[in-house]
Amino acid sequence: MNSTMAPDEQKTIRSAPPQPTRPEPRPAARVPQPVSPDTAEKQHAFTVRNLSVYFGTNHVLKNISIDIQARAVTAIIGPSGCGKSTFLRALNRMHELVPEARMEGEIRLFGNDIYARGIDPVVVRRRVGMVFQKSNPFPTMSIADNVTVGLRLNGVRSSSVLAERTEQSLRMSALWDEVKDRLGAPAISLSGGQQQRLCIARALAVQPDVLLMDEPASALDPLATAKIEDLILSLKKEFTVVIVTHNMQQAARMSDFTAFFYLGELVEFDSTSRIFTSPSQKKTEDYVTGRFG
């Protein structure tokens, strides 16, 4: 849908009620189909067209159009308040949980409109995982239970499957060797960097296609940050990663593509090397060289 449609035709994000303990999609709900590994590298993971997001009367994102490459790291940069996190949350329908939020435009995940009528938002969020700025493990759960909570909520009961997915996800998040002998320990017994990698393992356990990260290393020390960056570089072999960061050096080190947002608008989107060496917009050059922001 685009912004030229009549107001009564515009997509409105409604507050979603709390999900029941059995959040499987209803049989009538259509599900965006997963993409095979053989074709993922040839496609755009997200195709975004004319995206606008409002909170009440506040127009936060303005007519954003962008293609996000599959199996690559895309960094979203820009000063605080420019709409970076808002854009990230629009990619997995998290705004439906916010009263007064409304969007216009179209977001397609591997060709499927994730806001189309009949698409289950729970399934979208399962395929598009999210890792937040502050690590948020469930404090009353063990390390292992934190990893598998999403699987169990989706009806997985087999102990062998849960154990296999726990090890697989912890290995993928580079945490297995550090916790394999204390999986029953409380998640909050881990260090800050370990907790963040545990949250990444939790997101990976449900086998998403895309991993969204909102400043995942901003609260970590340099050593823990380096581990998160190495992890992200390894994950792009199998996943599409979109990361919001204020750290220009981090964006330059990790990402394949970079999008620069300013005051709710997409100023420039290109390969990371181009953005940081020869951007086409003066505003982009000023930002990446530290003249403002």
C-alpha atoms as a PDB file:
ATOM      1  CA  MET A   1       0.000   0.000   0.000  1.00  0.00           C
ATOM      2  CA  ASN A   2       1.246   3.482  -0.710  1.00  0.00           C
ATOM      3  CA  SER A   3       0.599   6.871   0.753  1.00  0.00           C
ATOM      4  CA  THR A   4      -1.721   7.898  -2.119  1.00  0.00           C
ATOM      5  CA  MET A   5      -4.494   5.605  -0.872  1.00  0.00           C
ATOM      6  CA  ALA A   6      -7.533   6.993   0.907  1.00  0.00           C
ATOM      7  CA  PRO A   7      -7.254   7.277   4.686  1.00  0.00           C
ATOM      8  CA  ASP A   8      -9.797   4.525   5.272  1.00  0.00           C
ATOM      9  CA  GLU A   9      -7.687   2.185   3.145  1.00  0.00           C
ATOM     10  CA  GLN A  10      -4.440   2.847   4.999  1.00  0.00           C
ATOM     11  CA  LYS A  11      -2.978   0.055   7.061  1.00  0.00           C
ATOM     12  CA  THR A  12      -3.431   0.718  10.766  1.00  0.00           C
ATOM     13  CA  ILE A  13      -1.382  -1.104  13.347  1.00  0.00           C
ATOM     14  CA  ARG A  14      -3.607  -2.287  16.146  1.00  0.00           C
ATOM     15  CA  SER A  15      -2.531  -3.206  19.625  1.00  0.00           C
ATOM     16  CA  ALA A  16      -1.987  -6.958  19.810  1.00  0.00           C
ATOM     17  CA  PRO A  17      -3.424  -8.823  22.812  1.00  0.00           C
ATOM     18  CA  PRO A  18      -1.067 -10.967  24.898  1.00  0.00           C
ATOM     19  CA  GLN A  19      -0.345 -14.239  23.114  1.00  0.00           C
ATOM     20  CA  PRO A  20      -1.730 -17.424  24.674  1.00  0.00           C
ATOM     21  CA  THR A  21       0.544 -20.220  25.791  1.00  0.00           C
ATOM     22  CA  ARG A  22      -0.091 -21.948  22.475  1.00  0.00           C
ATOM     23  CA  PRO A  23       0.769 -19.209  19.949  1.00  0.00           C
ATOM     24  CA  GLU A  24       0.610 -21.445  16.878  1.00  0.00           C
ATOM     25  CA  PRO A  25      -0.881 -19.631  13.852  1.00  0.00           C
ATOM     26  CA  ARG A  26      -4.530 -20.222  13.211  1.00  0.00           C
ATOM     27  CA  PRO A  27      -5.157 -22.676  10.371  1.00  0.00           C
ATOM     28  CA  ALA A  28      -6.735 -19.947   8.253  1.00  0.00           C
ATOM     29  CA  ALA A  29      -3.754 -17.627   8.577  1.00  0.00           C
ATOM     30  CA  ARG A  30      -1.391 -17.464   5.641  1.00  0.00           C
ATOM     31  CA  VAL A  31       2.278 -17.844   6.421  1.00  0.00           C
ATOM     32  CA  PRO A  32       5.153 -16.223   4.498  1.00  0.00           C
ATOM     33  CA  GLN A  33       7.035 -19.128   2.985  1.00  0.00           C
ATOM     34  CA  PRO A  34      10.670 -19.735   3.976  1.00  0.00           C
ATOM     35  CA  VAL A  35      13.284 -19.342   1.298  1.00  0.00           C
ATOM     36  CA  SER A  36      15.669 -22.162   0.452  1.00  0.00           C
ATOM     37  CA  PRO A  37      19.403 -21.737   1.108  1.00  0.00           C
ATOM     38  CA  ASP A  38      20.118 -22.168  -2.594  1.00  0.00           C
ATOM     39  CA  THR A  39      18.093 -19.103  -3.556  1.00  0.00           C
ATOM     40  CA  ALA A  40      18.577 -16.887  -0.486  1.00  0.00           C
ATOM     41  CA  GLU A  41      21.828 -15.396  -1.710  1.00  0.00           C
ATOM     42  CA  LYS A  42      20.204 -14.353  -4.984  1.00  0.00           C
ATOM     43  CA  GLN A  43      17.352 -12.429  -3.365  1.00  0.00           C
ATOM     44  CA  HIS A  44      16.629  -9.383  -1.337  1.00  0.00           C
ATOM     45  CA  ALA A  45      15.574 -10.391   2.146  1.00  0.00           C
ATOM     46  CA  PHE A  46      13.471  -7.227   2.510  1.00  0.00           C
ATOM     47  CA  THR A  47      11.947  -5.050  -0.166  1.00  0.00           C
ATOM     48  CA  VAL A  48      10.618  -1.874   1.437  1.00  0.00           C
ATOM     49  CA  ARG A  49       8.572   0.609  -0.561  1.00  0.00           C
ATOM     50  CA  ASN A  50       7.171   4.001   0.498  1.00  0.00           C
ATOM     51  CA  LEU A  51       7.271   3.145   4.195  1.00  0.00           C
ATOM     52  CA  SER A  52       5.934   5.781   6.567  1.00  0.00           C
ATOM     53  CA  VAL A  53       5.407   5.233  10.292  1.00  0.00           C
ATOM     54  CA  TYR A  54       3.421   7.473  12.612  1.00  0.00           C
ATOM     55  CA  PHE A  55       3.002   7.597  16.389  1.00  0.00           C
ATOM     56  CA  GLY A  56      -0.189   9.545  16.740  1.00  0.00           C
ATOM     57  CA  THR A  57       0.420  12.711  14.736  1.00  0.00           C
ATOM     58  CA  ASN A  58       4.223  12.345  14.875  1.00  0.00           C
ATOM     59  CA  HIS A  59       5.532  11.346  11.441  1.00  0.00           C
ATOM     60  CA  VAL A  60       8.613   9.315  12.410  1.00  0.00           C
ATOM     61  CA  LEU A  61       9.589   7.612   9.131  1.00  0.00           C
ATOM     62  CA  LYS A  62       8.957   9.330   5.828  1.00  0.00           C
ATOM     63  CA  ASN A  63       8.548   7.448   2.565  1.00  0.00           C
ATOM     64  CA  ILE A  64      11.424   4.961   2.972  1.00  0.00           C
ATOM     65  CA  SER A  65      12.265   2.680   0.036  1.00  0.00           C
ATOM     66  CA  ILE A  66      15.175   0.263   0.361  1.00  0.00           C
ATOM     67  CA  ASP A  67      16.229  -3.267  -0.657  1.00  0.00           C
ATOM     68  CA  ILE A  68      18.097  -5.278   1.981  1.00  0.00           C
ATOM     69  CA  GLN A  69      20.331  -8.001   0.608  1.00  0.00           C
ATOM     70  CA  ALA A  70      19.956 -11.562   1.904  1.00  0.00           C
ATOM     71  CA  ARG A  71      22.884 -13.149   3.734  1.00  0.00           C
ATOM     72  CA  ALA A  72      24.673  -9.881   4.275  1.00  0.00           C
ATOM     73  CA  VAL A  73      25.065  -7.395   7.129  1.00  0.00           C
ATOM     74  CA  THR A  74      23.280  -4.080   6.641  1.00  0.00           C
ATOM     75  CA  ALA A  75      24.064  -1.280   9.094  1.00  0.00           C
ATOM     76  CA  ILE A  76      21.580   1.484   9.857  1.00  0.00           C
ATOM     77  CA  ILE A  77      23.339   4.660  11.010  1.00  0.00           C
ATOM     78  CA  GLY A  78      22.242   8.173  11.889  1.00  0.00           C
ATOM     79  CA  PRO A  79      21.919  10.540  14.861  1.00  0.00           C
ATOM     80  CA  SER A  80      19.620   9.800  17.781  1.00  0.00           C
ATOM     81  CA  GLY A  81      15.931  10.277  17.003  1.00  0.00           C
ATOM     82  CA  CYS A  82      16.278   9.840  13.250  1.00  0.00           C
ATOM     83  CA  GLY A  83      14.074   6.731  13.053  1.00  0.00           C
ATOM     84  CA  LYS A  84      16.650   3.912  13.014  1.00  0.00           C
ATOM     85  CA  SER A  85      15.026   1.766  15.697  1.00  0.00           C
ATOM     86  CA  THR A  86      11.573   2.559  14.377  1.00  0.00           C
ATOM     87  CA  PHE A  87      12.611   1.231  10.974  1.00  0.00           C
ATOM     88  CA  LEU A  88      14.058  -1.919  12.531  1.00  0.00           C
ATOM     89  CA  ARG A  89      10.884  -2.659  14.478  1.00  0.00           C
ATOM     90  CA  ALA A  90       8.714  -2.134  11.412  1.00  0.00           C
ATOM     91  CA  LEU A  91      10.550  -5.042   9.779  1.00  0.00           C
ATOM     92  CA  ASN A  92       8.997  -7.589  12.143  1.00  0.00           C
ATOM     93  CA  ARG A  93       5.685  -5.898  13.002  1.00  0.00           C
ATOM     94  CA  MET A  94       6.679  -4.962  16.542  1.00  0.00           C
ATOM     95  CA  HIS A  95       4.824  -1.660  16.172  1.00  0.00           C
ATOM     96  CA  GLU A  96       1.566  -3.547  16.427  1.00  0.00           C
ATOM     97  CA  LEU A  97       2.308  -3.772  20.141  1.00  0.00           C
ATOM     98  CA  VAL A  98       2.395   0.042  20.453  1.00  0.00           C
ATOM     99  CA  PRO A  99      -0.858   2.027  20.794  1.00  0.00           C
ATOM    100  CA  GLU A 100      -1.290   4.914  18.351  1.00  0.00           C
ATOM    101  CA  ALA A 101       1.260   3.425  15.926  1.00  0.00           C
ATOM    102  CA  ARG A 102       0.322   3.387  12.252  1.00  0.00           C
ATOM    103  CA  MET A 103       2.181   2.596   9.060  1.00  0.00           C
ATOM    104  CA  GLU A 104       1.746   3.121   5.363  1.00  0.00           C
ATOM    105  CA  GLY A 105       3.633   1.454   2.560  1.00  0.00           C
ATOM    106  CA  GLU A 106       4.824  -2.067   1.900  1.00  0.00           C
ATOM    107  CA  ILE A 107       7.405  -4.408   3.433  1.00  0.00           C
ATOM    108  CA  ARG A 108       8.070  -7.703   1.691  1.00  0.00           C
ATOM    109  CA  LEU A 109      10.077 -10.548   3.214  1.00  0.00           C
ATOM    110  CA  PHE A 110      11.483 -12.683   0.407  1.00  0.00           C
ATOM    111  CA  GLY A 111       8.648 -11.445  -1.798  1.00  0.00           C
ATOM    112  CA  ASN A 112       5.816 -11.859   0.715  1.00  0.00           C
ATOM    113  CA  ASP A 113       3.981  -8.806   2.082  1.00  0.00           C
ATOM    114  CA  ILE A 114       4.307  -9.216   5.864  1.00  0.00           C
ATOM    115  CA  TYR A 115       1.465  -6.759   6.517  1.00  0.00           C
ATOM    116  CA  ALA A 116      -0.962  -8.398   4.103  1.00  0.00           C
ATOM    117  CA  ARG A 117      -4.373  -9.467   5.332  1.00  0.00           C
ATOM    118  CA  GLY A 118      -4.238 -12.935   6.913  1.00  0.00           C
ATOM    119  CA  ILE A 119      -0.503 -12.960   7.643  1.00  0.00           C
ATOM    120  CA  ASP A 120       0.045 -13.980  11.267  1.00  0.00           C
ATOM    121  CA  PRO A 121       2.351 -11.477  13.067  1.00  0.00           C
ATOM    122  CA  VAL A 122       3.555 -14.226  15.426  1.00  0.00           C
ATOM    123  CA  VAL A 123       4.908 -16.157  12.462  1.00  0.00           C
ATOM    124  CA  VAL A 124       6.540 -13.010  11.066  1.00  0.00           C
ATOM    125  CA  ARG A 125       8.323 -12.404  14.371  1.00  0.00           C
ATOM    126  CA  ARG A 126       9.438 -16.020  14.442  1.00  0.00           C
ATOM    127  CA  ARG A 127      11.082 -15.606  11.036  1.00  0.00           C
ATOM    128  CA  VAL A 128      12.490 -12.153  11.831  1.00  0.00           C
ATOM    129  CA  GLY A 129      14.256 -12.361  15.186  1.00  0.00           C
ATOM    130  CA  MET A 130      15.131  -9.350  17.335  1.00  0.00           C
ATOM    131  CA  VAL A 131      18.027  -8.636  19.702  1.00  0.00           C
ATOM    132  CA  PHE A 132      17.775  -5.470  21.763  1.00  0.00           C
ATOM    133  CA  GLN A 133      20.324  -2.957  23.006  1.00  0.00           C
ATOM    134  CA  LYS A 134      20.129  -4.155  26.605  1.00  0.00           C
ATOM    135  CA  SER A 135      20.451  -7.902  27.119  1.00  0.00           C
ATOM    136  CA  ASN A 136      17.172  -9.254  28.457  1.00  0.00           C
ATOM    137  CA  PRO A 137      17.465 -12.905  29.517  1.00  0.00           C
ATOM    138  CA  PHE A 138      14.589 -14.200  31.624  1.00  0.00           C
ATOM    139  CA  PRO A 139      16.050 -13.924  35.137  1.00  0.00           C
ATOM    140  CA  THR A 140      14.103 -16.804  36.704  1.00  0.00           C
ATOM    141  CA  MET A 141      15.071 -19.253  33.941  1.00  0.00           C
ATOM    142  CA  SER A 142      18.210 -21.285  33.468  1.00  0.00           C
ATOM    143  CA  ILE A 143      20.625 -20.778  30.595  1.00  0.00           C
ATOM    144  CA  ALA A 144      19.135 -23.742  28.714  1.00  0.00           C
ATOM    145  CA  ASP A 145      15.539 -22.691  29.351  1.00  0.00           C
ATOM    146  CA  ASN A 146      16.286 -19.188  28.067  1.00  0.00           C
ATOM    147  CA  VAL A 147      17.465 -20.663  24.784  1.00  0.00           C
ATOM    148  CA  THR A 148      14.443 -22.908  24.261  1.00  0.00           C
ATOM    149  CA  VAL A 149      11.636 -20.733  25.640  1.00  0.00           C
ATOM    150  CA  GLY A 150      10.471 -19.773  22.145  1.00  0.00           C
ATOM    151  CA  LEU A 151      10.431 -23.374  21.000  1.00  0.00           C
ATOM    152  CA  ARG A 152       8.429 -24.499  24.016  1.00  0.00           C
ATOM    153  CA  LEU A 153       5.925 -21.686  23.562  1.00  0.00           C
ATOM    154  CA  ASN A 154       5.476 -22.908  20.012  1.00  0.00           C
ATOM    155  CA  GLY A 155       4.656 -26.427  21.166  1.00  0.00           C
ATOM    156  CA  VAL A 156       8.008 -28.235  20.971  1.00  0.00           C
ATOM    157  CA  ARG A 157       8.082 -30.818  23.773  1.00  0.00           C
ATOM    158  CA  SER A 158      10.655 -33.391  22.645  1.00  0.00           C
ATOM    159  CA  SER A 159      13.560 -33.324  25.097  1.00  0.00           C
ATOM    160  CA  SER A 160      15.964 -34.549  22.426  1.00  0.00           C
ATOM    161  CA  VAL A 161      14.926 -31.781  20.019  1.00  0.00           C
ATOM    162  CA  LEU A 162      15.209 -29.148  22.741  1.00  0.00           C
ATOM    163  CA  ALA A 163      18.646 -30.404  23.783  1.00  0.00           C
ATOM    164  CA  GLU A 164      19.860 -30.499  20.190  1.00  0.00           C
ATOM    165  CA  ARG A 165      18.593 -26.987  19.455  1.00  0.00           C
ATOM    166  CA  THR A 166      20.105 -25.683  22.700  1.00  0.00           C
ATOM    167  CA  GLU A 167      23.579 -26.894  21.770  1.00  0.00           C
ATOM    168  CA  GLN A 168      23.227 -25.802  18.156  1.00  0.00           C
ATOM    169  CA  SER A 169      22.089 -22.281  19.081  1.00  0.00           C
ATOM    170  CA  LEU A 170      24.727 -21.823  21.768  1.00  0.00           C
ATOM    171  CA  ARG A 171      27.426 -22.971  19.367  1.00  0.00           C
ATOM    172  CA  MET A 172      26.189 -20.537  16.725  1.00  0.00           C
ATOM    173  CA  SER A 173      26.292 -17.728  19.284  1.00  0.00           C
ATOM    174  CA  ALA A 174      29.853 -18.703  20.316  1.00  0.00           C
ATOM    175  CA  LEU A 175      28.720 -19.437  23.866  1.00  0.00           C
ATOM    176  CA  TRP A 176      28.603 -23.242  24.083  1.00  0.00           C
ATOM    177  CA  ASP A 177      32.148 -23.817  25.320  1.00  0.00           C
ATOM    178  CA  GLU A 178      31.662 -21.263  28.081  1.00  0.00           C
ATOM    179  CA  VAL A 179      28.378 -22.639  29.473  1.00  0.00           C
ATOM    180  CA  LYS A 180      28.088 -26.304  28.440  1.00  0.00           C
ATOM    181  CA  ASP A 181      28.892 -27.497  31.981  1.00  0.00           C
ATOM    182  CA  ARG A 182      26.362 -25.218  33.688  1.00  0.00           C
ATOM    183  CA  LEU A 183      23.286 -25.128  31.473  1.00  0.00           C
ATOM    184  CA  GLY A 184      21.083 -25.327  34.562  1.00  0.00           C
ATOM    185  CA  ALA A 185      22.592 -22.208  36.124  1.00  0.00           C
ATOM    186  CA  PRO A 186      20.547 -18.981  36.209  1.00  0.00           C
ATOM    187  CA  ALA A 187      20.955 -16.885  33.075  1.00  0.00           C
ATOM    188  CA  ILE A 188      21.694 -13.815  35.186  1.00  0.00           C
ATOM    189  CA  SER A 189      24.840 -15.519  36.502  1.00  0.00           C
ATOM    190  CA  LEU A 190      26.462 -14.795  33.123  1.00  0.00           C
ATOM    191  CA  SER A 191      28.475 -11.676  32.351  1.00  0.00           C
ATOM    192  CA  GLY A 192      26.927  -8.857  30.341  1.00  0.00           C
ATOM    193  CA  GLY A 193      28.550  -9.963  27.097  1.00  0.00           C
ATOM    194  CA  GLN A 194      27.552 -13.583  27.704  1.00  0.00           C
ATOM    195  CA  GLN A 195      23.979 -12.548  28.425  1.00  0.00           C
ATOM    196  CA  GLN A 196      23.824 -10.709  25.118  1.00  0.00           C
ATOM    197  CA  ARG A 197      25.120 -13.770  23.264  1.00  0.00           C
ATOM    198  CA  LEU A 198      22.536 -15.843  25.156  1.00  0.00           C
ATOM    199  CA  CYS A 199      19.826 -13.527  23.826  1.00  0.00           C
ATOM    200  CA  ILE A 200      21.219 -14.052  20.323  1.00  0.00           C
ATOM    201  CA  ALA A 201      21.114 -17.832  20.900  1.00  0.00           C
ATOM    202  CA  ARG A 202      17.481 -17.504  22.024  1.00  0.00           C
ATOM    203  CA  ALA A 203      16.636 -15.669  18.804  1.00  0.00           C
ATOM    204  CA  LEU A 204      18.474 -18.256  16.702  1.00  0.00           C
ATOM    205  CA  ALA A 205      16.793 -21.244  18.365  1.00  0.00           C
ATOM    206  CA  VAL A 206      13.533 -20.733  16.446  1.00  0.00           C
ATOM    207  CA  GLN A 207      15.558 -20.729  13.201  1.00  0.00           C
ATOM    208  CA  PRO A 208      14.701 -17.294  11.782  1.00  0.00           C
ATOM    209  CA  ASP A 209      15.613 -16.081   8.313  1.00  0.00           C
ATOM    210  CA  VAL A 210      16.613 -12.606   9.512  1.00  0.00           C
ATOM    211  CA  LEU A 211      18.199 -11.279  12.697  1.00  0.00           C
ATOM    212  CA  LEU A 212      17.564  -7.648  13.661  1.00  0.00           C
ATOM    213  CA  MET A 213      19.954  -6.084  16.178  1.00  0.00           C
ATOM    214  CA  ASP A 214      19.359  -2.738  17.864  1.00  0.00           C
ATOM    215  CA  GLU A 215      22.778  -1.535  19.094  1.00  0.00           C
ATOM    216  CA  PRO A 216      23.618  -4.987  20.508  1.00  0.00           C
ATOM    217  CA  ALA A 217      27.085  -4.018  21.759  1.00  0.00           C
ATOM    218  CA  SER A 218      26.549  -0.445  22.971  1.00  0.00           C
ATOM    219  CA  ALA A 219      26.515  -1.440  26.657  1.00  0.00           C
ATOM    220  CA  LEU A 220      29.458  -3.846  26.440  1.00  0.00           C
ATOM    221  CA  ASP A 221      33.181  -3.487  27.058  1.00  0.00           C
ATOM    222  CA  PRO A 222      35.615  -3.638  24.098  1.00  0.00           C
ATOM    223  CA  LEU A 223      36.391  -7.347  24.531  1.00  0.00           C
ATOM    224  CA  ALA A 224      32.726  -8.355  24.654  1.00  0.00           C
ATOM    225  CA  THR A 225      31.989  -6.014  21.740  1.00  0.00           C
ATOM    226  CA  ALA A 226      34.689  -7.720  19.650  1.00  0.00           C
ATOM    227  CA  LYS A 227      33.084 -11.114  20.339  1.00  0.00           C
ATOM    228  CA  ILE A 228      29.671  -9.825  19.250  1.00  0.00           C
ATOM    229  CA  GLU A 229      31.155  -8.371  16.063  1.00  0.00           C
ATOM    230  CA  ASP A 230      32.951 -11.633  15.235  1.00  0.00           C
ATOM    231  CA  LEU A 231      29.703 -13.485  15.886  1.00  0.00           C
ATOM    232  CA  ILE A 232      27.748 -11.243  13.520  1.00  0.00           C
ATOM    233  CA  LEU A 233      30.309 -11.763  10.767  1.00  0.00           C
ATOM    234  CA  SER A 234      29.968 -15.527  11.145  1.00  0.00           C
ATOM    235  CA  LEU A 235      26.156 -15.427  11.250  1.00  0.00           C
ATOM    236  CA  LYS A 236      25.837 -13.746   7.860  1.00  0.00           C
ATOM    237  CA  LYS A 237      26.875 -17.029   6.219  1.00  0.00           C
ATOM    238  CA  GLU A 238      23.414 -18.353   7.081  1.00  0.00           C
ATOM    239  CA  PHE A 239      21.314 -15.343   8.079  1.00  0.00           C
ATOM    240  CA  THR A 240      20.453 -11.848   6.967  1.00  0.00           C
ATOM    241  CA  VAL A 241      21.557  -9.383   9.658  1.00  0.00           C
ATOM    242  CA  VAL A 242      20.313  -5.800  10.016  1.00  0.00           C
ATOM    243  CA  ILE A 243      22.028  -3.826  12.760  1.00  0.00           C
ATOM    244  CA  VAL A 244      21.441  -0.348  14.171  1.00  0.00           C
ATOM    245  CA  THR A 245      24.653   1.225  15.461  1.00  0.00           C
ATOM    246  CA  HIS A 246      25.979   4.618  16.521  1.00  0.00           C
ATOM    247  CA  ASN A 247      29.545   3.362  16.216  1.00  0.00           C
ATOM    248  CA  MET A 248      30.929   4.380  12.837  1.00  0.00           C
ATOM    249  CA  GLN A 249      33.978   2.143  13.187  1.00  0.00           C
ATOM    250  CA  GLN A 250      31.744  -0.798  13.996  1.00  0.00           C
ATOM    251  CA  ALA A 251      29.590  -0.182  10.934  1.00  0.00           C
ATOM    252  CA  ALA A 252      32.679   0.084   8.747  1.00  0.00           C
ATOM    253  CA  ARG A 253      34.181  -3.130  10.178  1.00  0.00           C
ATOM    254  CA  MET A 254      31.133  -5.364  10.066  1.00  0.00           C
ATOM    255  CA  SER A 255      28.642  -4.356   7.434  1.00  0.00           C
ATOM    256  CA  ASP A 256      28.403  -4.983   3.719  1.00  0.00           C
ATOM    257  CA  PHE A 257      25.845  -2.213   3.175  1.00  0.00           C
ATOM    258  CA  THR A 258      25.051   0.954   5.100  1.00  0.00           C
ATOM    259  CA  ALA A 259      21.928   3.114   5.202  1.00  0.00           C
ATOM    260  CA  PHE A 260      22.133   6.660   6.580  1.00  0.00           C
ATOM    261  CA  PHE A 261      18.935   7.999   8.160  1.00  0.00           C
ATOM    262  CA  TYR A 262      18.359  11.629   9.112  1.00  0.00           C
ATOM    263  CA  LEU A 263      15.181  13.202  10.528  1.00  0.00           C
ATOM    264  CA  GLY A 264      13.083  10.214   9.493  1.00  0.00           C
ATOM    265  CA  GLU A 265      14.349  10.114   5.914  1.00  0.00           C
ATOM    266  CA  LEU A 266      16.722   7.765   4.138  1.00  0.00           C
ATOM    267  CA  VAL A 267      19.478  10.083   2.927  1.00  0.00           C
ATOM    268  CA  GLU A 268      21.725   7.491   1.303  1.00  0.00           C
ATOM    269  CA  PHE A 269      22.072   3.736   0.944  1.00  0.00           C
ATOM    270  CA  ASP A 270      25.068   2.034  -0.668  1.00  0.00           C
ATOM    271  CA  SER A 271      27.878  -0.410  -0.076  1.00  0.00           C
ATOM    272  CA  THR A 272      29.635   0.326   3.195  1.00  0.00           C
ATOM    273  CA  SER A 273      32.925   1.035   1.442  1.00  0.00           C
ATOM    274  CA  ARG A 274      31.232   3.627  -0.747  1.00  0.00           C
ATOM    275  CA  ILE A 275      29.399   5.276   2.156  1.00  0.00           C
ATOM    276  CA  PHE A 276      32.597   5.694   4.156  1.00  0.00           C
ATOM    277  CA  THR A 277      34.978   6.646   1.339  1.00  0.00           C
ATOM    278  CA  SER A 278      32.979   8.466  -1.331  1.00  0.00           C
ATOM    279  CA  PRO A 279      29.353   9.114  -0.336  1.00  0.00           C
ATOM    280  CA  SER A 280      27.180  10.878  -2.879  1.00  0.00           C
ATOM    281  CA  GLN A 281      25.464  13.148  -0.332  1.00  0.00           C
ATOM    282  CA  LYS A 282      27.257  15.936   1.532  1.00  0.00           C
ATOM    283  CA  LYS A 283      25.130  15.250   4.609  1.00  0.00           C
ATOM    284  CA  THR A 284      26.352  11.641   4.670  1.00  0.00           C
ATOM    285  CA  GLU A 285      29.971  12.757   4.408  1.00  0.00           C
ATOM    286  CA  ASP A 286      29.506  15.227   7.257  1.00  0.00           C
ATOM    287  CA  TYR A 287      27.989  12.554   9.484  1.00  0.00           C
ATOM    288  CA  VAL A 288      30.511   9.748   8.894  1.00  0.00           C
ATOM    289  CA  THR A 289      33.419  12.176   9.338  1.00  0.00           C
ATOM    290  CA  GLY A 290      32.053  13.407  12.650  1.00  0.00           C
ATOM    291  CA  ARG A 291      31.066  16.933  11.664  1.00  0.00           C
ATOM    292  CA  PHE A 292      27.656  16.475  13.249  1.00  0.00           C
ATOM    293  CA  GLY A 293      25.599  13.846  15.027  1.00  0.00           C
END
